[in-house]
Amino acid sequence: MELYLDTANLEEIREIAAWGVLSGVTTNPTLVAKEFAQRGERLSEEGLVQHLRAVAEAAGGPVSAEVTALEAEAMVAEGRRLAAIHPNIVVKLPTTEEGLKACKR
């Protein structure tokens, strides 16, 4: 059995990872934005990169990071930026015509 947390909360990720049962983390833009809002911070590109890197390091396994772009070319570019953040990042694409075009690439 594998356990994946659906969160962007670093405290939760670190706690479960310390138990030795965490396989990875699934995130999405809404979850990351929620973490910043709870801290009273505005989410920036730099903040997103730093947060996803911290999540990937804490998780110690695959971490999904979802694109927000709507067109295939933009999804590919955004996906490459996300994947470059950390080796554990797995890019998530929407199952739309544009998402499938991006997935092919």
PDB file of N, CA and C in Angstrom:
ATOM      1  N   MET A   1       0.843  -1.170   0.000  1.00  0.00           N
ATOM      2  CA  MET A   1       0.000   0.000   0.000  1.00  0.00           C
ATOM      3  C   MET A   1       0.891   1.237   0.000  1.00  0.00           C
ATOM      4  N   GLU A   2       0.450   2.251  -0.716  1.00  0.00           N
ATOM      5  CA  GLU A   2       1.169   3.519  -0.729  1.00  0.00           C
ATOM      6  C   GLU A   2       0.263   4.605  -0.179  1.00  0.00           C
ATOM      7  N   LEU A   3       0.847   5.521   0.573  1.00  0.00           N
ATOM      8  CA  LEU A   3       0.099   6.627   1.158  1.00  0.00           C
ATOM      9  C   LEU A   3       0.570   7.939   0.551  1.00  0.00           C
ATOM     10  N   TYR A   4      -0.345   8.637  -0.111  1.00  0.00           N
ATOM     11  CA  TYR A   4      -0.076   9.953  -0.681  1.00  0.00           C
ATOM     12  C   TYR A   4      -0.965  10.962   0.016  1.00  0.00           C
ATOM     13  N   LEU A   5      -0.368  12.026   0.518  1.00  0.00           N
ATOM     14  CA  LEU A   5      -1.140  13.101   1.127  1.00  0.00           C
ATOM     15  C   LEU A   5      -1.586  14.066   0.043  1.00  0.00           C
ATOM     16  N   ASP A   6      -2.808  14.554   0.148  1.00  0.00           N
ATOM     17  CA  ASP A   6      -3.329  15.560  -0.767  1.00  0.00           C
ATOM     18  C   ASP A   6      -3.325  16.886  -0.012  1.00  0.00           C
ATOM     19  N   THR A   7      -2.161  17.536  -0.019  1.00  0.00           N
ATOM     20  CA  THR A   7      -1.984  18.750   0.768  1.00  0.00           C
ATOM     21  C   THR A   7      -0.773  19.525   0.255  1.00  0.00           C
ATOM     22  N   ALA A   8      -0.663  20.753   0.694  1.00  0.00           N
ATOM     23  CA  ALA A   8       0.543  21.547   0.462  1.00  0.00           C
ATOM     24  C   ALA A   8       1.066  22.070   1.796  1.00  0.00           C
ATOM     25  N   ASN A   9       0.526  21.527   2.890  1.00  0.00           N
ATOM     26  CA  ASN A   9       0.893  21.954   4.231  1.00  0.00           C
ATOM     27  C   ASN A   9       2.181  21.248   4.666  1.00  0.00           C
ATOM     28  N   LEU A  10       3.247  22.030   4.803  1.00  0.00           N
ATOM     29  CA  LEU A  10       4.553  21.455   5.137  1.00  0.00           C
ATOM     30  C   LEU A  10       4.569  20.760   6.492  1.00  0.00           C
ATOM     31  N   GLU A  11       3.869  21.301   7.468  1.00  0.00           N
ATOM     32  CA  GLU A  11       3.841  20.670   8.792  1.00  0.00           C
ATOM     33  C   GLU A  11       3.235  19.274   8.713  1.00  0.00           C
ATOM     34  N   GLU A  12       2.117  19.147   8.003  1.00  0.00           N
ATOM     35  CA  GLU A  12       1.475  17.842   7.839  1.00  0.00           C
ATOM     36  C   GLU A  12       2.405  16.869   7.114  1.00  0.00           C
ATOM     37  N   ILE A  13       3.032  17.347   6.050  1.00  0.00           N
ATOM     38  CA  ILE A  13       3.919  16.487   5.267  1.00  0.00           C
ATOM     39  C   ILE A  13       5.089  16.014   6.115  1.00  0.00           C
ATOM     40  N   ARG A  14       5.704  16.927   6.830  1.00  0.00           N
ATOM     41  CA  ARG A  14       6.850  16.545   7.679  1.00  0.00           C
ATOM     42  C   ARG A  14       6.438  15.559   8.768  1.00  0.00           C
ATOM     43  N   GLU A  15       5.266  15.762   9.365  1.00  0.00           N
ATOM     44  CA  GLU A  15       4.802  14.870  10.427  1.00  0.00           C
ATOM     45  C   GLU A  15       4.588  13.454   9.898  1.00  0.00           C
ATOM     46  N   ILE A  16       3.857  13.329   8.792  1.00  0.00           N
ATOM     47  CA  ILE A  16       3.577  12.001   8.246  1.00  0.00           C
ATOM     48  C   ILE A  16       4.852  11.356   7.707  1.00  0.00           C
ATOM     49  N   ALA A  17       5.724  12.142   7.094  1.00  0.00           N
ATOM     50  CA  ALA A  17       6.996  11.606   6.600  1.00  0.00           C
ATOM     51  C   ALA A  17       7.819  11.035   7.756  1.00  0.00           C
ATOM     52  N   ALA A  18       7.762  11.680   8.904  1.00  0.00           N
ATOM     53  CA  ALA A  18       8.513  11.211  10.081  1.00  0.00           C
ATOM     54  C   ALA A  18       7.991   9.865  10.576  1.00  0.00           C
ATOM     55  N   TRP A  19       6.743   9.540  10.284  1.00  0.00           N
ATOM     56  CA  TRP A  19       6.183   8.242  10.677  1.00  0.00           C
ATOM     57  C   TRP A  19       6.737   7.111   9.814  1.00  0.00           C
ATOM     58  N   GLY A  20       7.339   7.480   8.668  1.00  0.00           N
ATOM     59  CA  GLY A  20       7.902   6.466   7.783  1.00  0.00           C
ATOM     60  C   GLY A  20       6.904   5.792   6.860  1.00  0.00           C
ATOM     61  N   VAL A  21       5.723   6.372   6.694  1.00  0.00           N
ATOM     62  CA  VAL A  21       4.690   5.740   5.865  1.00  0.00           C
ATOM     63  C   VAL A  21       4.319   6.548   4.626  1.00  0.00           C
ATOM     64  N   LEU A  22       4.941   7.696   4.437  1.00  0.00           N
ATOM     65  CA  LEU A  22       4.569   8.584   3.342  1.00  0.00           C
ATOM     66  C   LEU A  22       5.241   8.171   2.034  1.00  0.00           C
ATOM     67  N   SER A  23       4.421   7.954   1.000  1.00  0.00           N
ATOM     68  CA  SER A  23       4.956   7.603  -0.322  1.00  0.00           C
ATOM     69  C   SER A  23       5.173   8.831  -1.184  1.00  0.00           C
ATOM     70  N   GLY A  24       4.318   9.849  -1.020  1.00  0.00           N
ATOM     71  CA  GLY A  24       4.419  11.058  -1.828  1.00  0.00           C
ATOM     72  C   GLY A  24       3.301  12.024  -1.492  1.00  0.00           C
ATOM     73  N   VAL A  25       3.216  13.080  -2.285  1.00  0.00           N
ATOM     74  CA  VAL A  25       2.244  14.147  -2.033  1.00  0.00           C
ATOM     75  C   VAL A  25       1.612  14.576  -3.345  1.00  0.00           C
ATOM     76  N   THR A  26       0.311  14.789  -3.311  1.00  0.00           N
ATOM     77  CA  THR A  26      -0.372  15.395  -4.447  1.00  0.00           C
ATOM     78  C   THR A  26      -0.748  16.819  -4.042  1.00  0.00           C
ATOM     79  N   THR A  27      -0.473  17.748  -4.909  1.00  0.00           N
ATOM     80  CA  THR A  27      -0.834  19.139  -4.647  1.00  0.00           C
ATOM     81  C   THR A  27      -1.589  19.677  -5.851  1.00  0.00           C
ATOM     82  N   ASN A  28      -2.082  20.868  -5.712  1.00  0.00           N
ATOM     83  CA  ASN A  28      -2.667  21.591  -6.836  1.00  0.00           C
ATOM     84  C   ASN A  28      -2.560  23.076  -6.517  1.00  0.00           C
ATOM     85  N   PRO A  29      -2.773  23.928  -7.500  1.00  0.00           N
ATOM     86  CA  PRO A  29      -2.620  25.370  -7.255  1.00  0.00           C
ATOM     87  C   PRO A  29      -3.503  25.912  -6.125  1.00  0.00           C
ATOM     88  N   THR A  30      -4.696  25.360  -5.972  1.00  0.00           N
ATOM     89  CA  THR A  30      -5.590  25.823  -4.909  1.00  0.00           C
ATOM     90  C   THR A  30      -5.023  25.506  -3.534  1.00  0.00           C
ATOM     91  N   LEU A  31      -4.476  24.299  -3.365  1.00  0.00           N
ATOM     92  CA  LEU A  31      -3.896  23.924  -2.069  1.00  0.00           C
ATOM     93  C   LEU A  31      -2.691  24.790  -1.715  1.00  0.00           C
ATOM     94  N   VAL A  32      -1.851  25.078  -2.698  1.00  0.00           N
ATOM     95  CA  VAL A  32      -0.678  25.919  -2.439  1.00  0.00           C
ATOM     96  C   VAL A  32      -1.122  27.342  -2.093  1.00  0.00           C
ATOM     97  N   ALA A  33      -2.063  27.881  -2.852  1.00  0.00           N
ATOM     98  CA  ALA A  33      -2.558  29.236  -2.583  1.00  0.00           C
ATOM     99  C   ALA A  33      -3.185  29.324  -1.193  1.00  0.00           C
ATOM    100  N   LYS A  34      -3.876  28.268  -0.779  1.00  0.00           N
ATOM    101  CA  LYS A  34      -4.490  28.224   0.560  1.00  0.00           C
ATOM    102  C   LYS A  34      -3.429  28.326   1.656  1.00  0.00           C
ATOM    103  N   GLU A  35      -2.306  27.639   1.474  1.00  0.00           N
ATOM    104  CA  GLU A  35      -1.226  27.698   2.464  1.00  0.00           C
ATOM    105  C   GLU A  35      -0.676  29.121   2.587  1.00  0.00           C
ATOM    106  N   PHE A  36      -0.506  29.792   1.472  1.00  0.00           N
ATOM    107  CA  PHE A  36      -0.003  31.165   1.500  1.00  0.00           C
ATOM    108  C   PHE A  36      -1.024  32.092   2.133  1.00  0.00           C
ATOM    109  N   ALA A  37      -2.290  31.918   1.803  1.00  0.00           N
ATOM    110  CA  ALA A  37      -3.354  32.764   2.352  1.00  0.00           C
ATOM    111  C   ALA A  37      -3.447  32.603   3.873  1.00  0.00           C
ATOM    112  N   GLN A  38      -3.302  31.387   4.354  1.00  0.00           N
ATOM    113  CA  GLN A  38      -3.370  31.149   5.798  1.00  0.00           C
ATOM    114  C   GLN A  38      -2.227  31.837   6.545  1.00  0.00           C
ATOM    115  N   ARG A  39      -1.120  32.050   5.856  1.00  0.00           N
ATOM    116  CA  ARG A  39       0.012  32.758   6.460  1.00  0.00           C
ATOM    117  C   ARG A  39      -0.066  34.259   6.204  1.00  0.00           C
ATOM    118  N   GLY A  40      -1.096  34.689   5.484  1.00  0.00           N
ATOM    119  CA  GLY A  40      -1.248  36.105   5.172  1.00  0.00           C
ATOM    120  C   GLY A  40      -0.279  36.581   4.108  1.00  0.00           C
ATOM    121  N   GLU A  41       0.200  35.660   3.274  1.00  0.00           N
ATOM    122  CA  GLU A  41       1.167  35.985   2.228  1.00  0.00           C
ATOM    123  C   GLU A  41       0.506  35.884   0.858  1.00  0.00           C
ATOM    124  N   ARG A  42       1.048  36.644  -0.071  1.00  0.00           N
ATOM    125  CA  ARG A  42       0.580  36.577  -1.449  1.00  0.00           C
ATOM    126  C   ARG A  42       1.476  35.595  -2.201  1.00  0.00           C
ATOM    127  N   LEU A  43       0.850  34.707  -2.965  1.00  0.00           N
ATOM    128  CA  LEU A  43       1.597  33.703  -3.713  1.00  0.00           C
ATOM    129  C   LEU A  43       2.250  34.338  -4.932  1.00  0.00           C
ATOM    130  N   SER A  44       3.567  34.176  -5.033  1.00  0.00           N
ATOM    131  CA  SER A  44       4.334  34.668  -6.180  1.00  0.00           C
ATOM    132  C   SER A  44       4.979  33.472  -6.859  1.00  0.00           C
ATOM    133  N   GLU A  45       5.533  33.681  -8.037  1.00  0.00           N
ATOM    134  CA  GLU A  45       6.235  32.602  -8.738  1.00  0.00           C
ATOM    135  C   GLU A  45       7.409  32.094  -7.897  1.00  0.00           C
ATOM    136  N   GLU A  46       8.169  33.018  -7.324  1.00  0.00           N
ATOM    137  CA  GLU A  46       9.297  32.631  -6.477  1.00  0.00           C
ATOM    138  C   GLU A  46       8.821  31.870  -5.246  1.00  0.00           C
ATOM    139  N   GLY A  47       7.729  32.329  -4.652  1.00  0.00           N
ATOM    140  CA  GLY A  47       7.176  31.643  -3.482  1.00  0.00           C
ATOM    141  C   GLY A  47       6.704  30.242  -3.823  1.00  0.00           C
ATOM    142  N   LEU A  48       6.085  30.092  -4.997  1.00  0.00           N
ATOM    143  CA  LEU A  48       5.626  28.781  -5.448  1.00  0.00           C
ATOM    144  C   LEU A  48       6.813  27.831  -5.604  1.00  0.00           C
ATOM    145  N   VAL A  49       7.859  28.300  -6.253  1.00  0.00           N
ATOM    146  CA  VAL A  49       9.050  27.476  -6.472  1.00  0.00           C
ATOM    147  C   VAL A  49       9.640  27.043  -5.134  1.00  0.00           C
ATOM    148  N   GLN A  50       9.807  27.974  -4.220  1.00  0.00           N
ATOM    149  CA  GLN A  50      10.386  27.653  -2.912  1.00  0.00           C
ATOM    150  C   GLN A  50       9.507  26.668  -2.145  1.00  0.00           C
ATOM    151  N   HIS A  51       8.195  26.880  -2.223  1.00  0.00           N
ATOM    152  CA  HIS A  51       7.274  26.012  -1.484  1.00  0.00           C
ATOM    153  C   HIS A  51       7.282  24.595  -2.066  1.00  0.00           C
ATOM    154  N   LEU A  52       7.200  24.476  -3.392  1.00  0.00           N
ATOM    155  CA  LEU A  52       7.212  23.150  -4.006  1.00  0.00           C
ATOM    156  C   LEU A  52       8.529  22.429  -3.746  1.00  0.00           C
ATOM    157  N   ARG A  53       9.628  23.159  -3.747  1.00  0.00           N
ATOM    158  CA  ARG A  53      10.927  22.545  -3.436  1.00  0.00           C
ATOM    159  C   ARG A  53      10.917  22.009  -1.997  1.00  0.00           C
ATOM    160  N   ALA A  54      10.399  22.788  -1.066  1.00  0.00           N
ATOM    161  CA  ALA A  54      10.329  22.357   0.328  1.00  0.00           C
ATOM    162  C   ALA A  54       9.411  21.146   0.487  1.00  0.00           C
ATOM    163  N   VAL A  55       8.292  21.140  -0.218  1.00  0.00           N
ATOM    164  CA  VAL A  55       7.373  19.999  -0.175  1.00  0.00           C
ATOM    165  C   VAL A  55       8.078  18.751  -0.708  1.00  0.00           C
ATOM    166  N   ALA A  56       8.768  18.880  -1.835  1.00  0.00           N
ATOM    167  CA  ALA A  56       9.458  17.738  -2.439  1.00  0.00           C
ATOM    168  C   ALA A  56      10.544  17.195  -1.522  1.00  0.00           C
ATOM    169  N   GLU A  57      11.266  18.070  -0.873  1.00  0.00           N
ATOM    170  CA  GLU A  57      12.316  17.626   0.050  1.00  0.00           C
ATOM    171  C   GLU A  57      11.717  16.947   1.273  1.00  0.00           C
ATOM    172  N   ALA A  58      10.615  17.490   1.789  1.00  0.00           N
ATOM    173  CA  ALA A  58       9.981  16.919   2.976  1.00  0.00           C
ATOM    174  C   ALA A  58       9.321  15.580   2.659  1.00  0.00           C
ATOM    175  N   ALA A  59       8.725  15.466   1.483  1.00  0.00           N
ATOM    176  CA  ALA A  59       7.991  14.256   1.120  1.00  0.00           C
ATOM    177  C   ALA A  59       8.921  13.076   0.876  1.00  0.00           C
ATOM    178  N   GLY A  60      10.060  13.349   0.263  1.00  0.00           N
ATOM    179  CA  GLY A  60      10.998  12.276  -0.017  1.00  0.00           C
ATOM    180  C   GLY A  60      10.544  11.317  -1.107  1.00  0.00           C
ATOM    181  N   GLY A  61       9.464  11.636  -1.787  1.00  0.00           N
ATOM    182  CA  GLY A  61       8.934  10.807  -2.870  1.00  0.00           C
ATOM    183  C   GLY A  61       8.259  11.698  -3.887  1.00  0.00           C
ATOM    184  N   PRO A  62       7.502  11.126  -4.807  1.00  0.00           N
ATOM    185  CA  PRO A  62       6.862  11.915  -5.855  1.00  0.00           C
ATOM    186  C   PRO A  62       5.930  12.992  -5.297  1.00  0.00           C
ATOM    187  N   VAL A  63       5.992  14.154  -5.921  1.00  0.00           N
ATOM    188  CA  VAL A  63       5.122  15.273  -5.559  1.00  0.00           C
ATOM    189  C   VAL A  63       4.500  15.799  -6.844  1.00  0.00           C
ATOM    190  N   SER A  64       3.173  15.745  -6.922  1.00  0.00           N
ATOM    191  CA  SER A  64       2.521  16.251  -8.127  1.00  0.00           C
ATOM    192  C   SER A  64       2.403  17.762  -8.038  1.00  0.00           C
ATOM    193  N   ALA A  65       2.659  18.402  -9.168  1.00  0.00           N
ATOM    194  CA  ALA A  65       2.528  19.858  -9.290  1.00  0.00           C
ATOM    195  C   ALA A  65       1.739  20.110 -10.569  1.00  0.00           C
ATOM    196  N   GLU A  66       0.609  20.754 -10.449  1.00  0.00           N
ATOM    197  CA  GLU A  66      -0.323  20.915 -11.559  1.00  0.00           C
ATOM    198  C   GLU A  66      -0.122  22.229 -12.300  1.00  0.00           C
ATOM    199  N   VAL A  67      -0.162  22.156 -13.616  1.00  0.00           N
ATOM    200  CA  VAL A  67      -0.069  23.372 -14.427  1.00  0.00           C
ATOM    201  C   VAL A  67      -1.376  24.149 -14.336  1.00  0.00           C
ATOM    202  N   THR A  68      -1.289  25.454 -14.572  1.00  0.00           N
ATOM    203  CA  THR A  68      -2.484  26.294 -14.591  1.00  0.00           C
ATOM    204  C   THR A  68      -2.784  26.814 -15.993  1.00  0.00           C
ATOM    205  N   ALA A  69      -1.845  26.645 -16.907  1.00  0.00           N
ATOM    206  CA  ALA A  69      -2.025  27.112 -18.283  1.00  0.00           C
ATOM    207  C   ALA A  69      -3.177  26.355 -18.945  1.00  0.00           C
ATOM    208  N   LEU A  70      -3.758  26.968 -19.967  1.00  0.00           N
ATOM    209  CA  LEU A  70      -4.898  26.369 -20.646  1.00  0.00           C
ATOM    210  C   LEU A  70      -4.589  25.875 -22.052  1.00  0.00           C
ATOM    211  N   GLU A  71      -3.489  26.331 -22.632  1.00  0.00           N
ATOM    212  CA  GLU A  71      -3.115  25.922 -23.983  1.00  0.00           C
ATOM    213  C   GLU A  71      -1.886  25.015 -23.920  1.00  0.00           C
ATOM    214  N   ALA A  72      -1.821  24.068 -24.863  1.00  0.00           N
ATOM    215  CA  ALA A  72      -0.784  23.036 -24.843  1.00  0.00           C
ATOM    216  C   ALA A  72       0.624  23.605 -24.771  1.00  0.00           C
ATOM    217  N   GLU A  73       0.946  24.570 -25.610  1.00  0.00           N
ATOM    218  CA  GLU A  73       2.308  25.140 -25.607  1.00  0.00           C
ATOM    219  C   GLU A  73       2.659  25.727 -24.248  1.00  0.00           C
ATOM    220  N   ALA A  74       1.719  26.457 -23.681  1.00  0.00           N
ATOM    221  CA  ALA A  74       1.954  27.066 -22.368  1.00  0.00           C
ATOM    222  C   ALA A  74       2.050  25.997 -21.281  1.00  0.00           C
ATOM    223  N   MET A  75       1.258  24.928 -21.403  1.00  0.00           N
ATOM    224  CA  MET A  75       1.336  23.823 -20.436  1.00  0.00           C
ATOM    225  C   MET A  75       2.710  23.170 -20.466  1.00  0.00           C
ATOM    226  N   VAL A  76       3.229  22.958 -21.669  1.00  0.00           N
ATOM    227  CA  VAL A  76       4.549  22.336 -21.808  1.00  0.00           C
ATOM    228  C   VAL A  76       5.615  23.219 -21.161  1.00  0.00           C
ATOM    229  N   ALA A  77       5.566  24.509 -21.452  1.00  0.00           N
ATOM    230  CA  ALA A  77       6.554  25.432 -20.873  1.00  0.00           C
ATOM    231  C   ALA A  77       6.434  25.459 -19.352  1.00  0.00           C
ATOM    232  N   GLU A  78       5.213  25.562 -18.838  1.00  0.00           N
ATOM    233  CA  GLU A  78       5.013  25.594 -17.388  1.00  0.00           C
ATOM    234  C   GLU A  78       5.426  24.266 -16.761  1.00  0.00           C
ATOM    235  N   GLY A  79       5.085  23.172 -17.409  1.00  0.00           N
ATOM    236  CA  GLY A  79       5.450  21.848 -16.905  1.00  0.00           C
ATOM    237  C   GLY A  79       6.952  21.673 -16.801  1.00  0.00           C
ATOM    238  N   ARG A  80       7.668  22.169 -17.793  1.00  0.00           N
ATOM    239  CA  ARG A  80       9.133  22.083 -17.747  1.00  0.00           C
ATOM    240  C   ARG A  80       9.700  22.912 -16.600  1.00  0.00           C
ATOM    241  N   ARG A  81       9.112  24.091 -16.358  1.00  0.00           N
ATOM    242  CA  ARG A  81       9.564  24.918 -15.222  1.00  0.00           C
ATOM    243  C   ARG A  81       9.294  24.189 -13.904  1.00  0.00           C
ATOM    244  N   LEU A  82       8.111  23.586 -13.786  1.00  0.00           N
ATOM    245  CA  LEU A  82       7.781  22.862 -12.556  1.00  0.00           C
ATOM    246  C   LEU A  82       8.712  21.671 -12.356  1.00  0.00           C
ATOM    247  N   ALA A  83       8.946  20.899 -13.403  1.00  0.00           N
ATOM    248  CA  ALA A  83       9.795  19.713 -13.299  1.00  0.00           C
ATOM    249  C   ALA A  83      11.224  20.067 -12.911  1.00  0.00           C
ATOM    250  N   ALA A  84      11.670  21.251 -13.277  1.00  0.00           N
ATOM    251  CA  ALA A  84      13.039  21.678 -12.975  1.00  0.00           C
ATOM    252  C   ALA A  84      13.232  22.068 -11.505  1.00  0.00           C
ATOM    253  N   ILE A  85      12.151  22.224 -10.776  1.00  0.00           N
ATOM    254  CA  ILE A  85      12.238  22.645  -9.368  1.00  0.00           C
ATOM    255  C   ILE A  85      12.936  21.593  -8.514  1.00  0.00           C
ATOM    256  N   HIS A  86      12.596  20.318  -8.742  1.00  0.00           N
ATOM    257  CA  HIS A  86      13.134  19.233  -7.907  1.00  0.00           C
ATOM    258  C   HIS A  86      12.925  17.915  -8.643  1.00  0.00           C
ATOM    259  N   PRO A  87      13.838  16.959  -8.502  1.00  0.00           N
ATOM    260  CA  PRO A  87      13.676  15.671  -9.191  1.00  0.00           C
ATOM    261  C   PRO A  87      12.409  14.908  -8.799  1.00  0.00           C
ATOM    262  N   ASN A  88      11.848  15.178  -7.631  1.00  0.00           N
ATOM    263  CA  ASN A  88      10.645  14.473  -7.186  1.00  0.00           C
ATOM    264  C   ASN A  88       9.354  15.044  -7.781  1.00  0.00           C
ATOM    265  N   ILE A  89       9.422  16.171  -8.458  1.00  0.00           N
ATOM    266  CA  ILE A  89       8.220  16.795  -9.017  1.00  0.00           C
ATOM    267  C   ILE A  89       7.725  15.994 -10.216  1.00  0.00           C
ATOM    268  N   VAL A  90       6.432  15.662 -10.183  1.00  0.00           N
ATOM    269  CA  VAL A  90       5.730  15.011 -11.284  1.00  0.00           C
ATOM    270  C   VAL A  90       4.681  16.010 -11.762  1.00  0.00           C
ATOM    271  N   VAL A  91       4.717  16.349 -13.035  1.00  0.00           N
ATOM    272  CA  VAL A  91       3.818  17.370 -13.578  1.00  0.00           C
ATOM    273  C   VAL A  91       2.440  16.766 -13.850  1.00  0.00           C
ATOM    274  N   LYS A  92       1.424  17.478 -13.373  1.00  0.00           N
ATOM    275  CA  LYS A  92       0.034  17.075 -13.571  1.00  0.00           C
ATOM    276  C   LYS A  92      -0.585  17.967 -14.644  1.00  0.00           C
ATOM    277  N   LEU A  93      -1.253  17.332 -15.618  1.00  0.00           N
ATOM    278  CA  LEU A  93      -1.932  18.059 -16.688  1.00  0.00           C
ATOM    279  C   LEU A  93      -3.420  17.746 -16.642  1.00  0.00           C
ATOM    280  N   PRO A  94      -4.251  18.685 -17.079  1.00  0.00           N
ATOM    281  CA  PRO A  94      -5.688  18.393 -17.127  1.00  0.00           C
ATOM    282  C   PRO A  94      -6.001  17.436 -18.273  1.00  0.00           C
ATOM    283  N   THR A  95      -7.029  16.633 -18.104  1.00  0.00           N
ATOM    284  CA  THR A  95      -7.443  15.719 -19.163  1.00  0.00           C
ATOM    285  C   THR A  95      -8.419  16.451 -20.082  1.00  0.00           C
ATOM    286  N   THR A  96      -7.844  17.363 -20.842  1.00  0.00           N
ATOM    287  CA  THR A  96      -8.568  18.130 -21.844  1.00  0.00           C
ATOM    288  C   THR A  96      -7.850  17.907 -23.164  1.00  0.00           C
ATOM    289  N   GLU A  97      -8.422  18.381 -24.259  1.00  0.00           N
ATOM    290  CA  GLU A  97      -7.751  18.245 -25.543  1.00  0.00           C
ATOM    291  C   GLU A  97      -6.369  18.891 -25.501  1.00  0.00           C
ATOM    292  N   GLU A  98      -6.274  20.097 -24.941  1.00  0.00           N
ATOM    293  CA  GLU A  98      -4.982  20.781 -24.844  1.00  0.00           C
ATOM    294  C   GLU A  98      -4.032  20.053 -23.901  1.00  0.00           C
ATOM    295  N   GLY A  99      -4.561  19.533 -22.799  1.00  0.00           N
ATOM    296  CA  GLY A  99      -3.736  18.781 -21.857  1.00  0.00           C
ATOM    297  C   GLY A  99      -3.172  17.518 -22.483  1.00  0.00           C
ATOM    298  N   LEU A 100      -3.975  16.838 -23.290  1.00  0.00           N
ATOM    299  CA  LEU A 100      -3.501  15.635 -23.954  1.00  0.00           C
ATOM    300  C   LEU A 100      -2.464  15.956 -25.018  1.00  0.00           C
ATOM    301  N   LYS A 101      -2.631  17.078 -25.707  1.00  0.00           N
ATOM    302  CA  LYS A 101      -1.610  17.503 -26.672  1.00  0.00           C
ATOM    303  C   LYS A 101      -0.284  17.763 -25.936  1.00  0.00           C
ATOM    304  N   ALA A 102      -0.377  18.427 -24.795  1.00  0.00           N
ATOM    305  CA  ALA A 102       0.827  18.712 -24.006  1.00  0.00           C
ATOM    306  C   ALA A 102       1.454  17.428 -23.492  1.00  0.00           C
ATOM    307  N   CYS A 103       0.630  16.487 -23.070  1.00  0.00           N
ATOM    308  CA  CYS A 103       1.112  15.204 -22.540  1.00  0.00           C
ATOM    309  C   CYS A 103       1.913  14.457 -23.610  1.00  0.00           C
ATOM    310  N   LYS A 104       1.472  14.511 -24.820  1.00  0.00           N
ATOM    311  CA  LYS A 104       2.160  13.837 -25.917  1.00  0.00           C
ATOM    312  C   LYS A 104       3.590  14.364 -26.049  1.00  0.00           C
ATOM    313  N   ARG A 105       3.786  15.632 -25.747  1.00  0.00           N
ATOM    314  CA  ARG A 105       5.105  16.257 -25.879  1.00  0.00           C
ATOM    315  C   ARG A 105       5.943  15.963 -24.660  1.00  0.00           C
TER     316      ARG A 105
END
